Structures are given as structure tokens and as C-alpha cells.
Amino acid sequence: MPRLLFLLLTGKPFVKIPVVHGHLEAALRNPEGEPRGGAVFCHPHPVQGGTMHTKAVYRAAQALDEVGLRTLRFNFRGVGCSTGSYDDGIGEEEDVRAALDWLELGLRDHPIIVGGLSFGSMVGLNVGVDDPRVVALVALGTPNHVYDYSYLARAGKPVLVVQGEHDEFGSAREVEEVLGRLGDHVTVLSVPGAGHLFEGHLEELQEHIRDYFTHGAGAVALEGDQGKIGGTTA
């Protein structure tokens, strides 16, 4: 679909975020009413076909929008209309920081969430874990067999992990055994019957995210009272 027609039909603007290698192609979505905060969501591995249009990424951003967050999806360098080329996760971390900086411009003093799917979870959370602007983290389809997530043990903020029961890169049970032991601030939820990209189970995925930021530790983080969240530090 031509980009202009997409804008006319959906009202969801594509934007360009300036970076050292040129720009990142991104999609910004505003909630109804005044935003409670913002969210940056990262897509799966660029070399394996991941983009900001991956269905689970779109649905995750939609869930965050539904709880009142201004959401930003973007294509990593070399993907879609983003300039640059794949950089083995290193340059991609710079892309996440640029996305955070850009989103923050219109959300001064508002809480921000960082999340990602698969490769995007590794890159996004590695940036967000130490960024003081980020109050909560979301990891979907964590490739537990590929990447090390032990750094989440030091996260002074809540972490939501949603894993497909039959994820080929780490089943929900395996992820619970590894990431669930990193602290009470980490919540691991399973989607029964789902694989790595949650195909056929996107509604359940969206519901988990929405509930976490409506009734769970994510909601508390958005209200700015980290001290009430088990396992985190104020």
C-alpha cells in the first residue's frame, strides 16, 4: 500500500528519526487522550526478516497504546527505509537509544517502557535496563538458547516476559526456570500452544501485556512508585 494512502486510511504517521548513519523509519501511535507515558518496541532479527510490521510487534504496541502510552515502533538500520546496515546488535543498540531520545522529546518527565520481540528483546532490554527514563521492560519470545539475559538480575524495574509454550528458541518452561530465578521483579507468562512469533495466539499475547500494565507491576511502575514492586529498588 502506498505510504500516503496508508496515512489517509489509518491516520498513523510514519516518521524519520535522525541517527548518525542517516535515519530510522518508524511508526508513531498516540493513545486517546493525554498519554501516561511512552513505549519503544523493537522487532525481531533483521537478517531473518524481522521488521516493525511483524504481527506480534504490532499487537504489542497496540496493547501498550490501549493502556495510554504513546508507542513507537521502528526499523533497525538496514531494514525497510532505515539507512545503514546490520551491525550484529551493537549498532542496533545505538538505534534504540536514538528512538528513546526522539520519543522523550514530546514526553518530558513521563515514564517510558522498552520492549522487544526475539532479537529485539535482547537489544532493547540491554539498553533499557540501565536507562533511568525507562521504568519497565517487556520481552517477548526471548531466544533463551541464543542470548544471555542474566543482566536482568540487576534491573531495578519490573520485567514482563511473555513466552510461547512451544517456542523453539526456549520453551515457556525453560524460560521460567532461567529468567524466573533472576528476581521477584521478573514475571514470566506462558501462552499455551504458541510458538516463537505467537502466530495464532496474538490475542492472548496482547491481553497479557495489557493486563500487566493495567493491574500488574507495570501499572505500579507507570504510576511512579517503584518501591511497591517486589524485588525492585526505589
C-alpha atoms as a PDB file:
ATOM      1  CA  MET A   1       0.000   0.000   0.000  1.00  0.00           C
ATOM      2  CA  PRO A   2       1.445   3.441  -0.903  1.00  0.00           C
ATOM      3  CA  ARG A   3       2.540   5.340   2.183  1.00  0.00           C
ATOM      4  CA  LEU A   4       0.282   8.358   1.539  1.00  0.00           C
ATOM      5  CA  LEU A   5      -2.765   6.098   1.147  1.00  0.00           C
ATOM      6  CA  PHE A   6      -1.812   4.283   4.363  1.00  0.00           C
ATOM      7  CA  LEU A   7      -1.749   7.614   6.218  1.00  0.00           C
ATOM      8  CA  LEU A   8      -5.101   8.675   4.800  1.00  0.00           C
ATOM      9  CA  LEU A   9      -6.744   5.393   5.759  1.00  0.00           C
ATOM     10  CA  THR A  10      -5.215   4.894   9.189  1.00  0.00           C
ATOM     11  CA  GLY A  11      -4.077   8.277  10.444  1.00  0.00           C
ATOM     12  CA  LYS A  12      -0.969   6.567  11.858  1.00  0.00           C
ATOM     13  CA  PRO A  13       2.074   8.574  10.795  1.00  0.00           C
ATOM     14  CA  PHE A  14       5.382   7.215   9.691  1.00  0.00           C
ATOM     15  CA  VAL A  15       8.266   9.330  10.945  1.00  0.00           C
ATOM     16  CA  LYS A  16      12.002   9.557  10.355  1.00  0.00           C
ATOM     17  CA  ILE A  17      14.284   9.559  13.373  1.00  0.00           C
ATOM     18  CA  PRO A  18      17.713  11.132  12.731  1.00  0.00           C
ATOM     19  CA  VAL A  19      20.725   8.947  13.559  1.00  0.00           C
ATOM     20  CA  VAL A  20      24.433   9.060  12.767  1.00  0.00           C
ATOM     21  CA  HIS A  21      24.001   6.747   9.766  1.00  0.00           C
ATOM     22  CA  GLY A  22      21.044   8.725   8.372  1.00  0.00           C
ATOM     23  CA  HIS A  23      17.591   7.960   9.714  1.00  0.00           C
ATOM     24  CA  LEU A  24      15.340   5.265  11.155  1.00  0.00           C
ATOM     25  CA  GLU A  25      11.938   4.589   9.676  1.00  0.00           C
ATOM     26  CA  ALA A  26       9.367   4.496  12.476  1.00  0.00           C
ATOM     27  CA  ALA A  27       5.647   4.394  13.168  1.00  0.00           C
ATOM     28  CA  LEU A  28       4.178   6.504  15.956  1.00  0.00           C
ATOM     29  CA  ARG A  29       0.823   5.780  17.566  1.00  0.00           C
ATOM     30  CA  ASN A  30      -0.899   8.116  20.028  1.00  0.00           C
ATOM     31  CA  PRO A  31      -3.445   6.936  22.611  1.00  0.00           C
ATOM     32  CA  GLU A  32      -6.791   8.561  23.127  1.00  0.00           C
ATOM     33  CA  GLY A  33      -6.416  11.476  25.494  1.00  0.00           C
ATOM     34  CA  GLU A  34      -3.244  12.634  27.223  1.00  0.00           C
ATOM     35  CA  PRO A  35      -0.540   9.929  27.178  1.00  0.00           C
ATOM     36  CA  ARG A  36       0.528   8.423  30.522  1.00  0.00           C
ATOM     37  CA  GLY A  37       3.964   7.801  29.088  1.00  0.00           C
ATOM     38  CA  GLY A  38       5.691   6.258  26.126  1.00  0.00           C
ATOM     39  CA  ALA A  39       6.929   2.952  24.799  1.00  0.00           C
ATOM     40  CA  VAL A  40       9.617   1.919  22.328  1.00  0.00           C
ATOM     41  CA  PHE A  41       9.209  -1.552  20.850  1.00  0.00           C
ATOM     42  CA  CYS A  42      11.890  -3.416  18.891  1.00  0.00           C
ATOM     43  CA  HIS A  43      11.437  -6.010  16.152  1.00  0.00           C
ATOM     44  CA  PRO A  44      12.963  -9.485  15.585  1.00  0.00           C
ATOM     45  CA  HIS A  45      16.241 -10.254  13.829  1.00  0.00           C
ATOM     46  CA  PRO A  46      16.744  -8.103  10.700  1.00  0.00           C
ATOM     47  CA  VAL A  47      18.613 -10.820   8.823  1.00  0.00           C
ATOM     48  CA  GLN A  48      15.761 -13.270   9.415  1.00  0.00           C
ATOM     49  CA  GLY A  49      13.011 -10.993   8.129  1.00  0.00           C
ATOM     50  CA  GLY A  50      12.051  -9.116  11.282  1.00  0.00           C
ATOM     51  CA  THR A  51      10.554  -5.642  10.812  1.00  0.00           C
ATOM     52  CA  MET A  52       8.432  -3.199  12.774  1.00  0.00           C
ATOM     53  CA  HIS A  53       5.460  -4.671  10.892  1.00  0.00           C
ATOM     54  CA  THR A  54       5.940  -8.161  12.370  1.00  0.00           C
ATOM     55  CA  LYS A  55       2.475  -9.071  13.665  1.00  0.00           C
ATOM     56  CA  ALA A  56       3.444  -9.655  17.295  1.00  0.00           C
ATOM     57  CA  VAL A  57       5.339  -6.343  17.390  1.00  0.00           C
ATOM     58  CA  TYR A  58       2.310  -4.507  16.030  1.00  0.00           C
ATOM     59  CA  ARG A  59      -0.018  -6.172  18.539  1.00  0.00           C
ATOM     60  CA  ALA A  60       2.329  -5.490  21.463  1.00  0.00           C
ATOM     61  CA  ALA A  61       2.451  -1.800  20.530  1.00  0.00           C
ATOM     62  CA  GLN A  62      -1.329  -1.802  20.225  1.00  0.00           C
ATOM     63  CA  ALA A  63      -1.677  -3.222  23.749  1.00  0.00           C
ATOM     64  CA  LEU A  64       0.622  -0.516  25.131  1.00  0.00           C
ATOM     65  CA  ASP A  65      -1.348   2.142  23.277  1.00  0.00           C
ATOM     66  CA  GLU A  66      -4.530   0.785  24.852  1.00  0.00           C
ATOM     67  CA  VAL A  67      -3.148   1.418  28.348  1.00  0.00           C
ATOM     68  CA  GLY A  68      -2.436   5.041  27.469  1.00  0.00           C
ATOM     69  CA  LEU A  69       1.113   5.009  26.121  1.00  0.00           C
ATOM     70  CA  ARG A  70       2.447   6.794  23.049  1.00  0.00           C
ATOM     71  CA  THR A  71       4.070   3.909  21.182  1.00  0.00           C
ATOM     72  CA  LEU A  72       6.980   3.947  18.768  1.00  0.00           C
ATOM     73  CA  ARG A  73       7.887   1.033  16.526  1.00  0.00           C
ATOM     74  CA  PHE A  74      10.905   1.436  14.283  1.00  0.00           C
ATOM     75  CA  ASN A  75      13.001  -0.451  11.773  1.00  0.00           C
ATOM     76  CA  PHE A  76      16.568  -1.177  12.788  1.00  0.00           C
ATOM     77  CA  ARG A  77      19.344   0.060  10.494  1.00  0.00           C
ATOM     78  CA  GLY A  78      19.228  -1.555   7.081  1.00  0.00           C
ATOM     79  CA  VAL A  79      15.573  -2.631   7.407  1.00  0.00           C
ATOM     80  CA  GLY A  80      12.794  -1.139   5.285  1.00  0.00           C
ATOM     81  CA  CYS A  81      13.538   2.533   4.662  1.00  0.00           C
ATOM     82  CA  SER A  82      16.023   2.831   7.539  1.00  0.00           C
ATOM     83  CA  THR A  83      19.536   3.673   6.416  1.00  0.00           C
ATOM     84  CA  GLY A  84      22.677   1.807   7.416  1.00  0.00           C
ATOM     85  CA  SER A  85      23.282  -1.924   7.601  1.00  0.00           C
ATOM     86  CA  TYR A  86      23.026  -4.755  10.123  1.00  0.00           C
ATOM     87  CA  ASP A  87      25.614  -4.448  12.912  1.00  0.00           C
ATOM     88  CA  ASP A  88      25.302  -7.647  14.967  1.00  0.00           C
ATOM     89  CA  GLY A  89      23.285  -5.953  17.722  1.00  0.00           C
ATOM     90  CA  ILE A  90      25.906  -3.324  18.558  1.00  0.00           C
ATOM     91  CA  GLY A  91      24.767  -0.567  16.207  1.00  0.00           C
ATOM     92  CA  GLU A  92      21.200  -1.627  16.834  1.00  0.00           C
ATOM     93  CA  GLU A  93      21.605  -0.612  20.486  1.00  0.00           C
ATOM     94  CA  GLU A  94      22.502   2.862  19.216  1.00  0.00           C
ATOM     95  CA  ASP A  95      19.268   2.806  17.225  1.00  0.00           C
ATOM     96  CA  VAL A  96      17.288   2.044  20.391  1.00  0.00           C
ATOM     97  CA  ARG A  97      18.919   4.962  22.207  1.00  0.00           C
ATOM     98  CA  ALA A  98      18.093   7.273  19.296  1.00  0.00           C
ATOM     99  CA  ALA A  99      14.476   6.095  19.375  1.00  0.00           C
ATOM    100  CA  LEU A 100      14.301   6.748  23.126  1.00  0.00           C
ATOM    101  CA  ASP A 101      15.792  10.217  22.738  1.00  0.00           C
ATOM    102  CA  TRP A 102      13.341  11.078  19.978  1.00  0.00           C
ATOM    103  CA  LEU A 103      10.296   9.801  21.861  1.00  0.00           C
ATOM    104  CA  GLU A 104      11.328  11.614  25.035  1.00  0.00           C
ATOM    105  CA  LEU A 105      11.257  14.988  23.250  1.00  0.00           C
ATOM    106  CA  GLY A 106       7.471  15.036  23.408  1.00  0.00           C
ATOM    107  CA  LEU A 107       7.168  13.257  26.751  1.00  0.00           C
ATOM    108  CA  ARG A 108       9.274  15.233  29.191  1.00  0.00           C
ATOM    109  CA  ASP A 109       9.158  13.709  32.698  1.00  0.00           C
ATOM    110  CA  HIS A 110       6.867  10.895  31.559  1.00  0.00           C
ATOM    111  CA  PRO A 111       7.729   7.221  32.184  1.00  0.00           C
ATOM    112  CA  ILE A 112       8.916   5.150  29.238  1.00  0.00           C
ATOM    113  CA  ILE A 113       8.765   1.410  28.607  1.00  0.00           C
ATOM    114  CA  VAL A 114      11.149  -0.507  26.352  1.00  0.00           C
ATOM    115  CA  GLY A 115      10.244  -3.854  24.867  1.00  0.00           C
ATOM    116  CA  GLY A 116      11.117  -6.172  22.038  1.00  0.00           C
ATOM    117  CA  LEU A 117      10.448  -9.452  20.322  1.00  0.00           C
ATOM    118  CA  SER A 118      13.183 -12.099  19.995  1.00  0.00           C
ATOM    119  CA  PHE A 119      16.408 -10.323  18.867  1.00  0.00           C
ATOM    120  CA  GLY A 120      14.614  -7.064  19.638  1.00  0.00           C
ATOM    121  CA  SER A 121      14.153  -8.103  23.247  1.00  0.00           C
ATOM    122  CA  MET A 122      17.872  -8.736  23.654  1.00  0.00           C
ATOM    123  CA  VAL A 123      18.840  -5.394  22.119  1.00  0.00           C
ATOM    124  CA  GLY A 124      16.066  -3.305  23.635  1.00  0.00           C
ATOM    125  CA  LEU A 125      16.306  -4.629  27.178  1.00  0.00           C
ATOM    126  CA  ASN A 126      20.085  -4.381  27.188  1.00  0.00           C
ATOM    127  CA  VAL A 127      19.662  -0.642  26.599  1.00  0.00           C
ATOM    128  CA  GLY A 128      16.624  -0.122  28.805  1.00  0.00           C
ATOM    129  CA  VAL A 129      17.897  -1.982  31.862  1.00  0.00           C
ATOM    130  CA  ASP A 130      20.177   0.901  32.899  1.00  0.00           C
ATOM    131  CA  ASP A 131      18.365   3.879  31.333  1.00  0.00           C
ATOM    132  CA  PRO A 132      16.803   5.991  34.117  1.00  0.00           C
ATOM    133  CA  ARG A 133      13.990   7.115  31.794  1.00  0.00           C
ATOM    134  CA  VAL A 134      12.798   3.522  31.433  1.00  0.00           C
ATOM    135  CA  VAL A 135      10.528   2.272  34.230  1.00  0.00           C
ATOM    136  CA  ALA A 136       9.633  -1.210  32.923  1.00  0.00           C
ATOM    137  CA  LEU A 137      10.772  -3.757  30.345  1.00  0.00           C
ATOM    138  CA  VAL A 138       8.913  -6.204  28.103  1.00  0.00           C
ATOM    139  CA  ALA A 139      10.492  -9.257  26.463  1.00  0.00           C
ATOM    140  CA  LEU A 140       8.547 -11.426  24.038  1.00  0.00           C
ATOM    141  CA  GLY A 141       9.836 -14.691  22.611  1.00  0.00           C
ATOM    142  CA  THR A 142      13.193 -14.471  24.376  1.00  0.00           C
ATOM    143  CA  PRO A 143      15.695 -16.679  22.491  1.00  0.00           C
ATOM    144  CA  ASN A 144      16.973 -18.250  25.674  1.00  0.00           C
ATOM    145  CA  HIS A 145      19.076 -20.741  23.689  1.00  0.00           C
ATOM    146  CA  VAL A 146      20.851 -17.920  21.840  1.00  0.00           C
ATOM    147  CA  TYR A 147      21.276 -14.884  24.117  1.00  0.00           C
ATOM    148  CA  ASP A 148      22.213 -14.315  27.751  1.00  0.00           C
ATOM    149  CA  TYR A 149      19.601 -12.425  29.776  1.00  0.00           C
ATOM    150  CA  SER A 150      21.322 -12.739  33.160  1.00  0.00           C
ATOM    151  CA  TYR A 151      21.849  -8.942  33.209  1.00  0.00           C
ATOM    152  CA  LEU A 152      18.150  -8.624  34.055  1.00  0.00           C
ATOM    153  CA  ALA A 153      19.005  -9.706  37.597  1.00  0.00           C
ATOM    154  CA  ARG A 154      20.270  -6.182  38.244  1.00  0.00           C
ATOM    155  CA  ALA A 155      17.207  -4.461  36.811  1.00  0.00           C
ATOM    156  CA  GLY A 156      15.741  -2.077  39.368  1.00  0.00           C
ATOM    157  CA  LYS A 157      12.452  -2.128  37.485  1.00  0.00           C
ATOM    158  CA  PRO A 158       9.762  -4.694  36.626  1.00  0.00           C
ATOM    159  CA  VAL A 159      10.313  -7.028  33.693  1.00  0.00           C
ATOM    160  CA  LEU A 160       7.490  -8.801  31.846  1.00  0.00           C
ATOM    161  CA  VAL A 161       8.487 -11.870  29.836  1.00  0.00           C
ATOM    162  CA  VAL A 162       5.853 -13.494  27.621  1.00  0.00           C
ATOM    163  CA  GLN A 163       6.890 -16.798  26.066  1.00  0.00           C
ATOM    164  CA  GLY A 164       5.161 -19.253  23.774  1.00  0.00           C
ATOM    165  CA  GLU A 165       4.666 -22.663  25.364  1.00  0.00           C
ATOM    166  CA  HIS A 166       6.404 -24.327  22.416  1.00  0.00           C
ATOM    167  CA  ASP A 167       8.900 -21.604  21.474  1.00  0.00           C
ATOM    168  CA  GLU A 168      11.682 -23.370  19.587  1.00  0.00           C
ATOM    169  CA  PHE A 169      14.317 -20.974  20.952  1.00  0.00           C
ATOM    170  CA  GLY A 170      13.319 -21.593  24.560  1.00  0.00           C
ATOM    171  CA  SER A 171      10.023 -23.001  25.769  1.00  0.00           C
ATOM    172  CA  ALA A 172       7.982 -21.138  28.359  1.00  0.00           C
ATOM    173  CA  ARG A 173       9.004 -23.734  30.929  1.00  0.00           C
ATOM    174  CA  GLU A 174      12.702 -23.319  30.144  1.00  0.00           C
ATOM    175  CA  VAL A 175      12.475 -19.533  30.263  1.00  0.00           C
ATOM    176  CA  GLU A 176      10.659 -19.678  33.602  1.00  0.00           C
ATOM    177  CA  GLU A 177      13.447 -21.850  35.006  1.00  0.00           C
ATOM    178  CA  VAL A 178      16.171 -19.431  33.861  1.00  0.00           C
ATOM    179  CA  LEU A 179      14.704 -15.926  33.857  1.00  0.00           C
ATOM    180  CA  GLY A 180      12.173 -16.540  36.589  1.00  0.00           C
ATOM    181  CA  ARG A 181      15.023 -17.117  39.031  1.00  0.00           C
ATOM    182  CA  LEU A 182      16.582 -13.708  38.430  1.00  0.00           C
ATOM    183  CA  GLY A 183      14.342 -11.995  40.987  1.00  0.00           C
ATOM    184  CA  ASP A 184      10.800 -11.204  42.012  1.00  0.00           C
ATOM    185  CA  HIS A 185      10.798  -8.254  39.629  1.00  0.00           C
ATOM    186  CA  VAL A 186      10.721 -10.673  36.666  1.00  0.00           C
ATOM    187  CA  THR A 187       7.304 -12.032  35.682  1.00  0.00           C
ATOM    188  CA  VAL A 188       7.235 -14.893  33.158  1.00  0.00           C
ATOM    189  CA  LEU A 189       3.899 -15.648  31.494  1.00  0.00           C
ATOM    190  CA  SER A 190       3.195 -18.524  29.125  1.00  0.00           C
ATOM    191  CA  VAL A 191       0.960 -18.512  26.061  1.00  0.00           C
ATOM    192  CA  PRO A 192      -0.329 -22.101  25.709  1.00  0.00           C
ATOM    193  CA  GLY A 193       0.158 -23.641  22.287  1.00  0.00           C
ATOM    194  CA  ALA A 194       2.159 -20.683  20.921  1.00  0.00           C
ATOM    195  CA  GLY A 195       5.476 -20.791  19.089  1.00  0.00           C
ATOM    196  CA  HIS A 196       8.218 -18.202  18.780  1.00  0.00           C
ATOM    197  CA  LEU A 197       6.226 -15.484  16.973  1.00  0.00           C
ATOM    198  CA  PHE A 198       2.868 -16.219  18.661  1.00  0.00           C
ATOM    199  CA  GLU A 199       1.136 -16.924  15.340  1.00  0.00           C
ATOM    200  CA  GLY A 200      -2.494 -17.817  16.023  1.00  0.00           C
ATOM    201  CA  HIS A 201      -2.184 -16.572  19.617  1.00  0.00           C
ATOM    202  CA  LEU A 202      -1.852 -12.812  19.202  1.00  0.00           C
ATOM    203  CA  GLU A 203      -4.971 -12.046  21.218  1.00  0.00           C
ATOM    204  CA  GLU A 204      -3.574 -13.867  24.256  1.00  0.00           C
ATOM    205  CA  LEU A 205      -0.254 -12.069  23.844  1.00  0.00           C
ATOM    206  CA  GLN A 206      -1.942  -8.696  23.669  1.00  0.00           C
ATOM    207  CA  GLU A 207      -4.084  -9.475  26.713  1.00  0.00           C
ATOM    208  CA  HIS A 208      -1.044 -10.439  28.832  1.00  0.00           C
ATOM    209  CA  ILE A 209       0.662  -7.131  28.050  1.00  0.00           C
ATOM    210  CA  ARG A 210      -2.466  -5.058  28.573  1.00  0.00           C
ATOM    211  CA  ASP A 211      -3.254  -6.693  31.915  1.00  0.00           C
ATOM    212  CA  TYR A 212       0.318  -6.301  33.200  1.00  0.00           C
ATOM    213  CA  PHE A 213       0.212  -2.550  32.625  1.00  0.00           C
ATOM    214  CA  THR A 214      -3.351  -2.207  33.860  1.00  0.00           C
ATOM    215  CA  HIS A 215      -3.341  -4.344  37.015  1.00  0.00           C
ATOM    216  CA  GLY A 216       0.182  -5.726  37.474  1.00  0.00           C
ATOM    217  CA  ALA A 217       3.631  -4.447  38.375  1.00  0.00           C
ATOM    218  CA  GLY A 218       3.764  -2.499  35.127  1.00  0.00           C
ATOM    219  CA  ALA A 219       0.821  -0.378  36.265  1.00  0.00           C
ATOM    220  CA  VAL A 220       2.616   0.445  39.509  1.00  0.00           C
ATOM    221  CA  ALA A 221       5.742   1.435  37.576  1.00  0.00           C
ATOM    222  CA  LEU A 222       3.766   3.795  35.362  1.00  0.00           C
ATOM    223  CA  GLU A 223       2.426   5.484  38.485  1.00  0.00           C
ATOM    224  CA  GLY A 224       5.991   6.087  39.609  1.00  0.00           C
ATOM    225  CA  ASP A 225       6.032   4.051  42.842  1.00  0.00           C
ATOM    226  CA  GLN A 226       8.808   1.511  42.263  1.00  0.00           C
ATOM    227  CA  GLY A 227       9.055   0.818  45.952  1.00  0.00           C
ATOM    228  CA  LYS A 228       5.789  -1.138  45.873  1.00  0.00           C
ATOM    229  CA  ILE A 229       7.141  -3.632  43.343  1.00  0.00           C
ATOM    230  CA  GLY A 230       8.641  -6.762  44.795  1.00  0.00           C
ATOM    231  CA  GLY A 231      12.296  -7.222  44.095  1.00  0.00           C
ATOM    232  CA  THR A 232      12.959  -3.715  42.798  1.00  0.00           C
ATOM    233  CA  THR A 233      14.748  -0.827  44.363  1.00  0.00           C
ATOM    234  CA  ALA A 234      13.269   2.605  44.825  1.00  0.00           C
END
